[in-house]
Amino acid sequence: MNPLLLVEDSDPDAEALMRIAKRLPLPVPVVRVRDGENALDYLYRRGSHADAERPALVLLDLHMPGISGRDVLATLKADPDLRSIPVIIFSSSLETGDVEGAYADGANSYLFKPEIGPQLQATAEALHAFWFKAARLPAAQEPEA
């Protein structure tokens, strides 16, 4: 199965999520990129990501330096070849404008990113239970060359 693309600029948050992912029976590998520019390079298979697999799911931080998560989301959802990839916004922001803006731009869900610890574990388990047990992900379709 195609990977989960984790777009996270915080090393401690990404490392905590990767540790949790290893303990969960996650049916897909996790690939991490550190910012929006690399996320778009990965999605469009540019540069060092030329051989990247289309992700089954994107877990996207909203507030990152450079290209924001919101810009990545808007770009992905405006592309007919990529828009079917589910995108979960994973942010420490509970600002109404961030939540509403993410949904307006096409986010499939918005999860609050708690501090590293038991709440992060519980959130990751809920994400796993929904997206990998209850939900059915779209079949990976490669864009035509």
N, C-alpha and C. Protein backbone atom coordinates (compact mmCIF):
# COMPACT_ATOMS: atom_id res chain seq x y z
N MET A 1 0.84 -1.19 0.00
CA MET A 1 0.00 0.00 0.00
C MET A 1 0.88 1.24 0.00
N ASN A 2 0.39 2.27 -0.58
CA ASN A 2 1.14 3.51 -0.70
C ASN A 2 1.33 4.16 0.68
N PRO A 3 2.34 4.99 0.81
CA PRO A 3 2.69 5.52 2.14
C PRO A 3 1.75 6.61 2.64
N LEU A 4 1.86 6.84 3.94
CA LEU A 4 1.28 8.02 4.57
C LEU A 4 2.37 9.08 4.48
N LEU A 5 2.04 10.23 3.93
CA LEU A 5 2.99 11.34 3.84
C LEU A 5 2.78 12.25 5.03
N LEU A 6 3.79 12.31 5.89
CA LEU A 6 3.76 13.18 7.07
C LEU A 6 4.52 14.45 6.71
N VAL A 7 3.83 15.59 6.76
CA VAL A 7 4.46 16.89 6.49
C VAL A 7 4.51 17.63 7.82
N GLU A 8 5.69 17.64 8.42
CA GLU A 8 5.84 18.17 9.78
C GLU A 8 7.21 18.83 9.90
N ASP A 9 7.22 20.11 10.29
CA ASP A 9 8.50 20.81 10.42
C ASP A 9 9.16 20.58 11.78
N SER A 10 8.41 20.18 12.77
CA SER A 10 8.96 19.98 14.11
C SER A 10 9.56 18.58 14.22
N ASP A 11 10.89 18.53 14.46
CA ASP A 11 11.53 17.23 14.62
C ASP A 11 10.98 16.46 15.83
N PRO A 12 10.81 17.08 17.01
CA PRO A 12 10.26 16.32 18.14
C PRO A 12 8.86 15.76 17.85
N ASP A 13 8.00 16.57 17.21
CA ASP A 13 6.66 16.08 16.89
C ASP A 13 6.72 14.93 15.89
N ALA A 14 7.55 15.08 14.87
CA ALA A 14 7.66 14.02 13.85
C ALA A 14 8.23 12.74 14.45
N GLU A 15 9.26 12.89 15.29
CA GLU A 15 9.85 11.70 15.92
C GLU A 15 8.85 11.00 16.83
N ALA A 16 8.07 11.77 17.58
CA ALA A 16 7.05 11.17 18.45
C ALA A 16 6.01 10.43 17.62
N LEU A 17 5.58 11.04 16.54
CA LEU A 17 4.59 10.38 15.67
C LEU A 17 5.16 9.12 15.03
N MET A 18 6.41 9.15 14.64
CA MET A 18 7.03 7.96 14.04
C MET A 18 7.14 6.83 15.07
N ARG A 19 7.47 7.17 16.32
CA ARG A 19 7.53 6.14 17.37
C ARG A 19 6.15 5.53 17.59
N ILE A 20 5.13 6.36 17.64
CA ILE A 20 3.76 5.86 17.83
C ILE A 20 3.36 5.01 16.64
N ALA A 21 3.69 5.46 15.44
CA ALA A 21 3.32 4.70 14.23
C ALA A 21 3.94 3.31 14.23
N LYS A 22 5.15 3.20 14.78
CA LYS A 22 5.80 1.88 14.82
C LYS A 22 5.08 0.93 15.78
N ARG A 23 4.45 1.48 16.81
CA ARG A 23 3.73 0.63 17.78
C ARG A 23 2.33 0.27 17.31
N LEU A 24 1.78 1.07 16.42
CA LEU A 24 0.45 0.77 15.88
C LEU A 24 0.60 -0.23 14.73
N PRO A 25 -0.41 -1.03 14.49
CA PRO A 25 -0.32 -1.91 13.32
C PRO A 25 -0.64 -1.13 12.04
N LEU A 26 0.16 -0.12 11.78
CA LEU A 26 -0.06 0.74 10.60
C LEU A 26 0.22 -0.06 9.33
N PRO A 27 -0.75 -0.14 8.43
CA PRO A 27 -0.57 -0.98 7.24
C PRO A 27 0.24 -0.33 6.13
N VAL A 28 0.74 0.87 6.37
CA VAL A 28 1.49 1.59 5.33
C VAL A 28 2.76 2.17 5.93
N PRO A 29 3.78 2.36 5.12
CA PRO A 29 4.97 3.06 5.62
C PRO A 29 4.67 4.55 5.79
N VAL A 30 5.46 5.19 6.64
CA VAL A 30 5.32 6.63 6.84
C VAL A 30 6.56 7.30 6.22
N VAL A 31 6.30 8.27 5.37
CA VAL A 31 7.36 9.07 4.76
C VAL A 31 7.20 10.49 5.27
N ARG A 32 8.30 11.05 5.77
CA ARG A 32 8.23 12.42 6.30
C ARG A 32 8.96 13.40 5.41
N VAL A 33 8.35 14.55 5.22
CA VAL A 33 9.04 15.71 4.65
C VAL A 33 8.88 16.85 5.65
N ARG A 34 9.82 17.80 5.63
CA ARG A 34 9.89 18.80 6.69
C ARG A 34 9.18 20.12 6.40
N ASP A 35 8.75 20.34 5.18
CA ASP A 35 8.11 21.63 4.90
C ASP A 35 7.22 21.54 3.66
N GLY A 36 6.53 22.65 3.42
CA GLY A 36 5.59 22.68 2.31
C GLY A 36 6.25 22.52 0.95
N GLU A 37 7.42 23.11 0.79
CA GLU A 37 8.12 23.01 -0.50
C GLU A 37 8.46 21.55 -0.79
N ASN A 38 8.96 20.85 0.21
CA ASN A 38 9.27 19.43 0.01
C ASN A 38 8.01 18.59 -0.16
N ALA A 39 6.93 18.99 0.48
CA ALA A 39 5.66 18.27 0.31
C ALA A 39 5.21 18.36 -1.15
N LEU A 40 5.29 19.56 -1.73
CA LEU A 40 4.89 19.72 -3.13
C LEU A 40 5.86 18.99 -4.07
N ASP A 41 7.16 19.03 -3.74
CA ASP A 41 8.12 18.27 -4.55
C ASP A 41 7.80 16.77 -4.50
N TYR A 42 7.44 16.29 -3.32
CA TYR A 42 7.10 14.87 -3.18
C TYR A 42 5.83 14.55 -4.00
N LEU A 43 4.80 15.37 -3.84
CA LEU A 43 3.53 15.11 -4.53
C LEU A 43 3.68 15.19 -6.05
N TYR A 44 4.55 16.10 -6.51
CA TYR A 44 4.74 16.27 -7.95
C TYR A 44 5.99 15.55 -8.46
N ARG A 45 6.60 14.76 -7.59
CA ARG A 45 7.75 13.92 -7.96
C ARG A 45 8.85 14.74 -8.63
N ARG A 46 9.26 15.76 -7.92
CA ARG A 46 10.31 16.64 -8.43
C ARG A 46 11.59 16.46 -7.61
N GLY A 47 12.71 16.74 -8.23
CA GLY A 47 14.00 16.73 -7.53
C GLY A 47 14.29 15.39 -6.89
N SER A 48 14.66 15.43 -5.60
CA SER A 48 15.03 14.20 -4.89
C SER A 48 13.83 13.27 -4.67
N HIS A 49 12.64 13.73 -4.97
CA HIS A 49 11.43 12.91 -4.80
C HIS A 49 10.90 12.39 -6.15
N ALA A 50 11.76 12.36 -7.15
CA ALA A 50 11.31 11.95 -8.49
C ALA A 50 10.74 10.53 -8.51
N ASP A 51 11.18 9.67 -7.61
CA ASP A 51 10.69 8.30 -7.56
C ASP A 51 9.65 8.08 -6.47
N ALA A 52 9.10 9.15 -5.92
CA ALA A 52 8.15 9.03 -4.81
C ALA A 52 6.88 8.30 -5.21
N GLU A 53 6.38 7.51 -4.26
CA GLU A 53 5.09 6.86 -4.48
C GLU A 53 3.98 7.83 -4.10
N ARG A 54 2.90 7.74 -4.82
CA ARG A 54 1.74 8.56 -4.49
C ARG A 54 1.27 8.19 -3.08
N PRO A 55 1.09 9.17 -2.20
CA PRO A 55 0.67 8.82 -0.84
C PRO A 55 -0.79 8.38 -0.79
N ALA A 56 -1.07 7.46 0.13
CA ALA A 56 -2.44 7.03 0.36
C ALA A 56 -3.20 8.06 1.17
N LEU A 57 -2.44 8.83 1.94
CA LEU A 57 -3.01 9.78 2.89
C LEU A 57 -1.93 10.81 3.21
N VAL A 58 -2.34 12.06 3.46
CA VAL A 58 -1.38 13.10 3.85
C VAL A 58 -1.77 13.62 5.22
N LEU A 59 -0.80 13.62 6.13
CA LEU A 59 -0.97 14.22 7.46
C LEU A 59 -0.16 15.51 7.44
N LEU A 60 -0.86 16.63 7.45
CA LEU A 60 -0.25 17.92 7.08
C LEU A 60 -0.31 18.92 8.22
N ASP A 61 0.86 19.38 8.64
CA ASP A 61 0.95 20.47 9.61
C ASP A 61 0.49 21.74 8.90
N LEU A 62 -0.17 22.59 9.62
CA LEU A 62 -0.73 23.79 8.99
C LEU A 62 0.26 24.95 8.95
N HIS A 63 0.93 25.18 10.08
CA HIS A 63 1.81 26.33 10.18
C HIS A 63 3.26 25.88 10.08
N MET A 64 3.84 26.12 8.92
CA MET A 64 5.23 25.77 8.66
C MET A 64 5.90 26.98 8.02
N PRO A 65 7.22 27.07 8.16
CA PRO A 65 7.92 28.17 7.48
C PRO A 65 7.89 27.95 5.97
N GLY A 66 7.97 29.04 5.23
CA GLY A 66 7.95 28.92 3.76
C GLY A 66 6.52 28.68 3.28
N ILE A 67 6.36 27.68 2.45
CA ILE A 67 5.04 27.35 1.92
C ILE A 67 4.22 26.73 3.05
N SER A 68 3.10 27.33 3.38
CA SER A 68 2.30 26.87 4.51
C SER A 68 1.53 25.59 4.17
N GLY A 69 1.06 24.94 5.20
CA GLY A 69 0.22 23.77 5.00
C GLY A 69 -1.05 24.12 4.23
N ARG A 70 -1.55 25.28 4.50
CA ARG A 70 -2.76 25.72 3.79
C ARG A 70 -2.50 25.88 2.29
N ASP A 71 -1.33 26.40 1.92
CA ASP A 71 -0.99 26.52 0.51
C ASP A 71 -0.78 25.15 -0.13
N VAL A 72 -0.16 24.23 0.61
CA VAL A 72 0.01 22.86 0.10
C VAL A 72 -1.36 22.23 -0.12
N LEU A 73 -2.24 22.38 0.86
CA LEU A 73 -3.59 21.82 0.74
C LEU A 73 -4.33 22.39 -0.46
N ALA A 74 -4.31 23.71 -0.61
CA ALA A 74 -5.02 24.35 -1.72
C ALA A 74 -4.46 23.88 -3.07
N THR A 75 -3.14 23.75 -3.16
CA THR A 75 -2.52 23.29 -4.41
C THR A 75 -2.93 21.86 -4.72
N LEU A 76 -2.85 21.01 -3.71
CA LEU A 76 -3.18 19.59 -3.89
C LEU A 76 -4.66 19.43 -4.30
N LYS A 77 -5.54 20.13 -3.63
CA LYS A 77 -6.97 19.97 -3.91
C LYS A 77 -7.40 20.64 -5.21
N ALA A 78 -6.58 21.54 -5.75
CA ALA A 78 -6.89 22.16 -7.04
C ALA A 78 -6.41 21.32 -8.21
N ASP A 79 -5.63 20.28 -7.92
CA ASP A 79 -5.06 19.45 -8.98
C ASP A 79 -5.94 18.22 -9.21
N PRO A 80 -6.50 18.06 -10.40
CA PRO A 80 -7.40 16.92 -10.65
C PRO A 80 -6.73 15.56 -10.44
N ASP A 81 -5.42 15.48 -10.62
CA ASP A 81 -4.72 14.20 -10.43
C ASP A 81 -4.44 13.89 -8.96
N LEU A 82 -4.46 14.89 -8.11
CA LEU A 82 -4.09 14.69 -6.70
C LEU A 82 -5.25 14.89 -5.73
N ARG A 83 -6.31 15.53 -6.16
CA ARG A 83 -7.34 15.94 -5.21
C ARG A 83 -8.02 14.80 -4.46
N SER A 84 -7.95 13.59 -4.98
CA SER A 84 -8.61 12.47 -4.28
C SER A 84 -7.80 11.94 -3.10
N ILE A 85 -6.57 12.40 -2.95
CA ILE A 85 -5.76 11.97 -1.80
C ILE A 85 -6.32 12.64 -0.54
N PRO A 86 -6.74 11.85 0.45
CA PRO A 86 -7.25 12.46 1.68
C PRO A 86 -6.15 13.22 2.42
N VAL A 87 -6.52 14.39 2.91
CA VAL A 87 -5.58 15.24 3.66
C VAL A 87 -6.16 15.51 5.04
N ILE A 88 -5.37 15.16 6.05
CA ILE A 88 -5.74 15.42 7.43
C ILE A 88 -4.85 16.55 7.92
N ILE A 89 -5.46 17.64 8.30
CA ILE A 89 -4.69 18.72 8.90
C ILE A 89 -4.42 18.34 10.34
N PHE A 90 -3.15 18.43 10.74
CA PHE A 90 -2.73 18.06 12.09
C PHE A 90 -2.01 19.25 12.68
N SER A 91 -2.75 20.04 13.44
CA SER A 91 -2.24 21.34 13.87
C SER A 91 -2.48 21.58 15.36
N SER A 92 -1.59 22.35 15.94
CA SER A 92 -1.77 22.75 17.34
C SER A 92 -2.67 23.98 17.44
N SER A 93 -3.14 24.47 16.34
CA SER A 93 -4.02 25.64 16.32
C SER A 93 -5.49 25.23 16.43
N LEU A 94 -6.18 25.90 17.32
CA LEU A 94 -7.63 25.73 17.41
C LEU A 94 -8.35 27.00 16.98
N GLU A 95 -7.63 27.87 16.30
CA GLU A 95 -8.24 29.10 15.80
C GLU A 95 -9.34 28.77 14.82
N THR A 96 -10.48 29.38 15.00
CA THR A 96 -11.63 29.12 14.13
C THR A 96 -11.28 29.36 12.67
N GLY A 97 -10.52 30.41 12.39
CA GLY A 97 -10.14 30.71 11.01
C GLY A 97 -9.29 29.62 10.39
N ASP A 98 -8.41 29.01 11.19
CA ASP A 98 -7.58 27.91 10.67
C ASP A 98 -8.45 26.69 10.36
N VAL A 99 -9.35 26.36 11.27
CA VAL A 99 -10.21 25.18 11.07
C VAL A 99 -11.12 25.40 9.86
N GLU A 100 -11.81 26.52 9.84
CA GLU A 100 -12.74 26.79 8.73
C GLU A 100 -12.01 26.94 7.40
N GLY A 101 -10.85 27.59 7.43
CA GLY A 101 -10.07 27.75 6.20
C GLY A 101 -9.59 26.43 5.65
N ALA A 102 -9.17 25.53 6.54
CA ALA A 102 -8.70 24.22 6.09
C ALA A 102 -9.83 23.45 5.41
N TYR A 103 -11.00 23.47 6.02
CA TYR A 103 -12.13 22.78 5.38
C TYR A 103 -12.53 23.46 4.07
N ALA A 104 -12.49 24.80 4.05
CA ALA A 104 -12.83 25.51 2.82
C ALA A 104 -11.86 25.16 1.69
N ASP A 105 -10.62 24.86 2.06
CA ASP A 105 -9.61 24.50 1.05
C ASP A 105 -9.63 23.02 0.70
N GLY A 106 -10.51 22.25 1.34
CA GLY A 106 -10.67 20.84 0.95
C GLY A 106 -10.11 19.81 1.90
N ALA A 107 -9.74 20.20 3.12
CA ALA A 107 -9.24 19.20 4.08
C ALA A 107 -10.31 18.15 4.34
N ASN A 108 -9.86 16.91 4.52
CA ASN A 108 -10.80 15.82 4.80
C ASN A 108 -11.08 15.69 6.29
N SER A 109 -10.19 16.19 7.11
CA SER A 109 -10.44 16.29 8.54
C SER A 109 -9.40 17.22 9.15
N TYR A 110 -9.68 17.66 10.35
CA TYR A 110 -8.80 18.58 11.07
C TYR A 110 -8.65 18.03 12.47
N LEU A 111 -7.44 17.62 12.81
CA LEU A 111 -7.17 17.07 14.14
C LEU A 111 -6.28 18.03 14.91
N PHE A 112 -6.63 18.23 16.16
CA PHE A 112 -5.79 19.03 17.04
C PHE A 112 -4.57 18.21 17.43
N LYS A 113 -3.38 18.81 17.29
CA LYS A 113 -2.13 18.14 17.65
C LYS A 113 -1.79 18.49 19.10
N PRO A 114 -1.98 17.55 20.02
CA PRO A 114 -1.67 17.85 21.42
C PRO A 114 -0.17 17.78 21.68
N GLU A 115 0.22 18.13 22.89
CA GLU A 115 1.62 17.99 23.30
C GLU A 115 2.01 16.51 23.22
N ILE A 116 3.30 16.27 23.10
CA ILE A 116 3.81 14.91 23.06
C ILE A 116 3.50 14.24 24.40
N GLY A 117 2.91 13.07 24.35
CA GLY A 117 2.55 12.33 25.56
C GLY A 117 1.31 11.50 25.31
N PRO A 118 0.61 11.16 26.40
CA PRO A 118 -0.56 10.28 26.26
C PRO A 118 -1.65 10.81 25.32
N GLN A 119 -1.85 12.12 25.30
CA GLN A 119 -2.89 12.65 24.41
C GLN A 119 -2.50 12.52 22.95
N LEU A 120 -1.22 12.68 22.65
CA LEU A 120 -0.77 12.48 21.27
C LEU A 120 -0.95 11.01 20.87
N GLN A 121 -0.63 10.12 21.79
CA GLN A 121 -0.84 8.68 21.53
C GLN A 121 -2.32 8.41 21.25
N ALA A 122 -3.21 8.97 22.07
CA ALA A 122 -4.65 8.74 21.89
C ALA A 122 -5.13 9.31 20.55
N THR A 123 -4.62 10.47 20.19
CA THR A 123 -5.01 11.08 18.91
C THR A 123 -4.53 10.22 17.74
N ALA A 124 -3.31 9.72 17.82
CA ALA A 124 -2.76 8.87 16.75
C ALA A 124 -3.56 7.56 16.67
N GLU A 125 -3.95 7.02 17.80
CA GLU A 125 -4.76 5.80 17.79
C GLU A 125 -6.12 6.05 17.16
N ALA A 126 -6.72 7.20 17.45
CA ALA A 126 -8.01 7.54 16.85
C ALA A 126 -7.88 7.72 15.34
N LEU A 127 -6.80 8.38 14.94
CA LEU A 127 -6.53 8.57 13.50
C LEU A 127 -6.38 7.19 12.84
N HIS A 128 -5.63 6.33 13.46
CA HIS A 128 -5.42 4.97 12.93
C HIS A 128 -6.73 4.21 12.84
N ALA A 129 -7.52 4.26 13.90
CA ALA A 129 -8.79 3.52 13.93
C ALA A 129 -9.72 3.99 12.83
N PHE A 130 -9.77 5.31 12.61
CA PHE A 130 -10.69 5.80 11.58
C PHE A 130 -10.14 5.57 10.17
N TRP A 131 -8.94 6.09 9.91
CA TRP A 131 -8.45 6.10 8.52
C TRP A 131 -7.96 4.75 8.03
N PHE A 132 -7.53 3.87 8.94
CA PHE A 132 -7.00 2.59 8.48
C PHE A 132 -7.86 1.40 8.85
N LYS A 133 -8.91 1.62 9.64
CA LYS A 133 -9.82 0.52 9.96
C LYS A 133 -11.23 0.79 9.46
N ALA A 134 -11.78 1.97 9.73
CA ALA A 134 -13.17 2.26 9.38
C ALA A 134 -13.30 2.82 7.96
N ALA A 135 -12.45 3.73 7.60
CA ALA A 135 -12.57 4.39 6.29
C ALA A 135 -11.95 3.52 5.19
N ARG A 136 -12.40 3.76 4.01
CA ARG A 136 -11.79 3.11 2.84
C ARG A 136 -11.08 4.21 2.05
N LEU A 137 -9.79 4.00 1.83
CA LEU A 137 -8.99 4.98 1.10
C LEU A 137 -9.13 4.76 -0.39
N PRO A 138 -9.00 5.83 -1.18
CA PRO A 138 -9.08 5.65 -2.64
C PRO A 138 -7.90 4.81 -3.13
N ALA A 139 -8.16 4.05 -4.17
CA ALA A 139 -7.07 3.28 -4.77
C ALA A 139 -6.06 4.25 -5.35
N ALA A 140 -4.82 3.91 -5.20
CA ALA A 140 -3.77 4.78 -5.74
C ALA A 140 -3.82 4.75 -7.25
N GLN A 141 -3.97 5.90 -7.82
CA GLN A 141 -3.96 6.01 -9.28
C GLN A 141 -2.85 6.96 -9.66
N GLU A 142 -1.97 6.47 -10.45
CA GLU A 142 -0.86 7.30 -10.89
C GLU A 142 -1.35 8.22 -12.01
N PRO A 143 -0.94 9.50 -11.99
CA PRO A 143 -1.32 10.39 -13.09
C PRO A 143 -0.69 9.92 -14.40
N GLU A 144 -1.40 10.19 -15.46
CA GLU A 144 -0.87 9.82 -16.77
C GLU A 144 0.28 10.73 -17.12
N ALA A 145 1.29 10.17 -17.76
CA ALA A 145 2.48 10.96 -18.13
C ALA A 145 2.21 11.79 -19.36
